[in-house]
């Protein structure tokens, strides 16, 4: 899965179900997919820390990566 920003809990659920997550993507979707297919997109290694618990605390955090 190509993602802009995503929390660690979501990454763990996706990974546990065989879905690889590549973080740090932004820009035109078609361009990003083309770059991914060409092998030029790498995972940024950065997760959105506020995503980890925002569903539980009701604060409704919105991540704008």
N, C-alpha and C. Protein backbone atom coordinates (compact mmCIF):
# COMPACT_ATOMS: atom_id res chain seq x y z
N UNK A 1 0.84 -1.16 0.00
CA UNK A 1 0.00 0.00 0.00
C UNK A 1 0.89 1.23 0.00
N UNK A 2 0.60 2.17 -0.85
CA UNK A 2 1.33 3.44 -0.90
C UNK A 2 0.56 4.45 -0.05
N UNK A 3 1.25 5.01 0.96
CA UNK A 3 0.58 5.91 1.90
C UNK A 3 1.38 7.18 2.11
N UNK A 4 0.66 8.25 2.43
CA UNK A 4 1.32 9.49 2.81
C UNK A 4 1.72 9.41 4.26
N UNK A 5 0.74 9.33 5.13
CA UNK A 5 0.97 9.20 6.56
C UNK A 5 0.06 8.13 7.10
N UNK A 6 0.58 7.33 8.02
CA UNK A 6 -0.20 6.23 8.58
C UNK A 6 0.40 5.87 9.93
N UNK A 7 -0.43 5.48 10.86
CA UNK A 7 0.04 5.13 12.20
C UNK A 7 0.56 3.71 12.29
N UNK A 8 1.32 3.46 13.33
CA UNK A 8 1.93 2.14 13.53
C UNK A 8 0.92 1.02 13.70
N UNK A 9 -0.19 1.30 14.39
CA UNK A 9 -1.20 0.25 14.58
C UNK A 9 -1.78 -0.18 13.24
N UNK A 10 -2.07 0.77 12.37
CA UNK A 10 -2.60 0.44 11.05
C UNK A 10 -1.57 -0.34 10.23
N UNK A 11 -0.31 0.08 10.32
CA UNK A 11 0.75 -0.64 9.61
C UNK A 11 0.84 -2.08 10.09
N UNK A 12 0.76 -2.28 11.41
CA UNK A 12 0.83 -3.63 11.96
C UNK A 12 -0.32 -4.50 11.46
N UNK A 13 -1.53 -3.96 11.43
CA UNK A 13 -2.69 -4.72 10.96
C UNK A 13 -2.50 -5.08 9.49
N UNK A 14 -2.09 -4.12 8.68
CA UNK A 14 -1.88 -4.38 7.26
C UNK A 14 -0.77 -5.41 7.05
N UNK A 15 0.36 -5.23 7.73
CA UNK A 15 1.47 -6.18 7.60
C UNK A 15 1.07 -7.58 8.03
N UNK A 16 0.29 -7.68 9.13
CA UNK A 16 -0.17 -8.98 9.61
C UNK A 16 -1.05 -9.69 8.59
N UNK A 17 -1.63 -8.92 7.67
CA UNK A 17 -2.49 -9.48 6.64
C UNK A 17 -1.79 -9.53 5.27
N UNK A 18 -0.46 -9.45 5.30
CA UNK A 18 0.33 -9.62 4.09
C UNK A 18 0.40 -8.40 3.19
N UNK A 19 0.05 -7.23 3.73
CA UNK A 19 0.09 -6.01 2.93
C UNK A 19 1.28 -5.17 3.34
N UNK A 20 2.19 -4.93 2.41
CA UNK A 20 3.37 -4.10 2.65
C UNK A 20 2.97 -2.63 2.53
N UNK A 21 3.41 -1.81 3.47
CA UNK A 21 3.08 -0.39 3.47
C UNK A 21 4.33 0.42 3.17
N UNK A 22 4.21 1.33 2.22
CA UNK A 22 5.30 2.25 1.88
C UNK A 22 4.82 3.64 2.26
N UNK A 23 5.47 4.22 3.30
CA UNK A 23 5.08 5.52 3.84
C UNK A 23 5.82 6.65 3.15
N UNK A 24 5.25 7.85 3.25
CA UNK A 24 5.92 9.06 2.77
C UNK A 24 5.60 9.43 1.34
N UNK A 25 4.58 8.81 0.76
CA UNK A 25 4.22 9.12 -0.64
C UNK A 25 3.38 10.39 -0.69
N UNK A 26 3.62 11.20 -1.68
CA UNK A 26 2.80 12.39 -1.90
C UNK A 26 2.93 12.82 -3.35
N UNK A 27 1.93 13.54 -3.81
CA UNK A 27 1.95 14.03 -5.18
C UNK A 27 0.88 13.38 -6.03
N UNK A 28 1.03 13.47 -7.32
CA UNK A 28 0.09 12.92 -8.28
C UNK A 28 0.06 11.40 -8.17
N UNK A 29 -1.13 10.83 -8.03
CA UNK A 29 -1.27 9.39 -7.83
C UNK A 29 -0.66 8.59 -8.97
N UNK A 30 -0.95 8.96 -10.19
CA UNK A 30 -0.42 8.22 -11.33
C UNK A 30 1.11 8.24 -11.35
N UNK A 31 1.69 9.38 -11.03
CA UNK A 31 3.15 9.50 -10.99
C UNK A 31 3.73 8.62 -9.89
N UNK A 32 3.10 8.63 -8.71
CA UNK A 32 3.58 7.82 -7.59
C UNK A 32 3.52 6.34 -7.95
N UNK A 33 2.42 5.90 -8.56
CA UNK A 33 2.30 4.49 -8.95
C UNK A 33 3.35 4.13 -9.99
N UNK A 34 3.57 4.99 -10.96
CA UNK A 34 4.60 4.73 -11.98
C UNK A 34 5.97 4.62 -11.33
N UNK A 35 6.27 5.52 -10.39
CA UNK A 35 7.56 5.47 -9.70
C UNK A 35 7.69 4.19 -8.88
N UNK A 36 6.59 3.78 -8.24
CA UNK A 36 6.61 2.53 -7.46
C UNK A 36 6.87 1.34 -8.37
N UNK A 37 6.18 1.27 -9.48
CA UNK A 37 6.36 0.16 -10.41
C UNK A 37 7.78 0.13 -10.99
N UNK A 38 8.41 1.30 -11.11
CA UNK A 38 9.77 1.38 -11.61
C UNK A 38 10.80 1.09 -10.51
N UNK A 39 10.33 0.94 -9.27
CA UNK A 39 11.22 0.63 -8.16
C UNK A 39 11.92 1.83 -7.56
N UNK A 40 11.40 3.03 -7.81
CA UNK A 40 12.08 4.23 -7.32
C UNK A 40 11.41 4.86 -6.09
N UNK A 41 10.44 4.18 -5.50
CA UNK A 41 9.80 4.67 -4.27
C UNK A 41 10.28 3.79 -3.12
N UNK A 42 10.75 4.42 -2.05
CA UNK A 42 11.18 3.70 -0.86
C UNK A 42 10.39 4.18 0.35
N UNK A 43 10.20 3.29 1.31
CA UNK A 43 9.52 3.64 2.54
C UNK A 43 10.31 4.71 3.28
N UNK A 44 9.61 5.76 3.74
CA UNK A 44 10.29 6.85 4.45
C UNK A 44 10.70 6.45 5.86
N UNK A 45 10.05 5.40 6.40
CA UNK A 45 10.35 4.98 7.76
C UNK A 45 9.69 5.83 8.82
N UNK A 46 8.87 6.80 8.41
CA UNK A 46 8.25 7.73 9.35
C UNK A 46 6.75 7.45 9.44
N UNK A 47 6.29 7.20 10.67
CA UNK A 47 4.87 6.99 10.92
C UNK A 47 4.30 8.21 11.62
N UNK A 48 3.01 8.39 11.49
CA UNK A 48 2.34 9.49 12.18
C UNK A 48 2.00 9.02 13.59
N UNK A 49 2.72 9.51 14.58
CA UNK A 49 2.57 9.06 15.96
C UNK A 49 1.18 9.35 16.51
N UNK A 50 0.55 10.44 16.09
CA UNK A 50 -0.77 10.77 16.62
C UNK A 50 -1.83 9.80 16.15
N UNK A 51 -1.57 9.05 15.09
CA UNK A 51 -2.55 8.09 14.62
C UNK A 51 -2.71 6.92 15.58
N UNK A 52 -1.71 6.63 16.37
CA UNK A 52 -1.74 5.42 17.17
C UNK A 52 -2.93 5.33 18.11
N UNK A 53 -3.38 6.42 18.67
CA UNK A 53 -4.47 6.34 19.64
C UNK A 53 -5.63 7.28 19.38
N UNK A 54 -5.66 7.98 18.26
CA UNK A 54 -6.72 8.97 18.09
C UNK A 54 -8.11 8.37 17.98
N UNK A 55 -8.23 7.14 17.56
CA UNK A 55 -9.55 6.53 17.49
C UNK A 55 -10.07 6.22 18.89
N UNK A 56 -9.18 6.01 19.83
CA UNK A 56 -9.57 5.66 21.18
C UNK A 56 -9.92 6.87 22.03
N UNK A 57 -9.26 8.02 21.77
CA UNK A 57 -9.47 9.17 22.65
C UNK A 57 -10.53 10.14 22.14
N UNK A 58 -11.06 9.92 20.94
CA UNK A 58 -12.13 10.76 20.43
C UNK A 58 -11.71 12.15 19.99
N UNK A 59 -10.39 12.42 19.88
CA UNK A 59 -9.94 13.76 19.51
C UNK A 59 -10.07 14.04 18.02
N UNK A 60 -10.25 13.01 17.20
CA UNK A 60 -10.47 13.21 15.78
C UNK A 60 -9.30 13.83 15.05
N UNK A 61 -8.08 13.47 15.39
CA UNK A 61 -6.88 13.99 14.73
C UNK A 61 -6.95 13.74 13.22
N UNK A 62 -6.61 14.74 12.44
CA UNK A 62 -6.53 14.60 10.99
C UNK A 62 -5.09 14.85 10.59
N UNK A 63 -4.50 13.91 9.87
CA UNK A 63 -3.11 14.01 9.47
C UNK A 63 -3.05 14.57 8.05
N UNK A 64 -2.33 15.64 7.84
CA UNK A 64 -2.25 16.30 6.54
C UNK A 64 -0.86 16.20 5.95
N UNK A 65 -0.37 14.99 5.71
CA UNK A 65 0.97 14.79 5.12
C UNK A 65 0.93 15.15 3.67
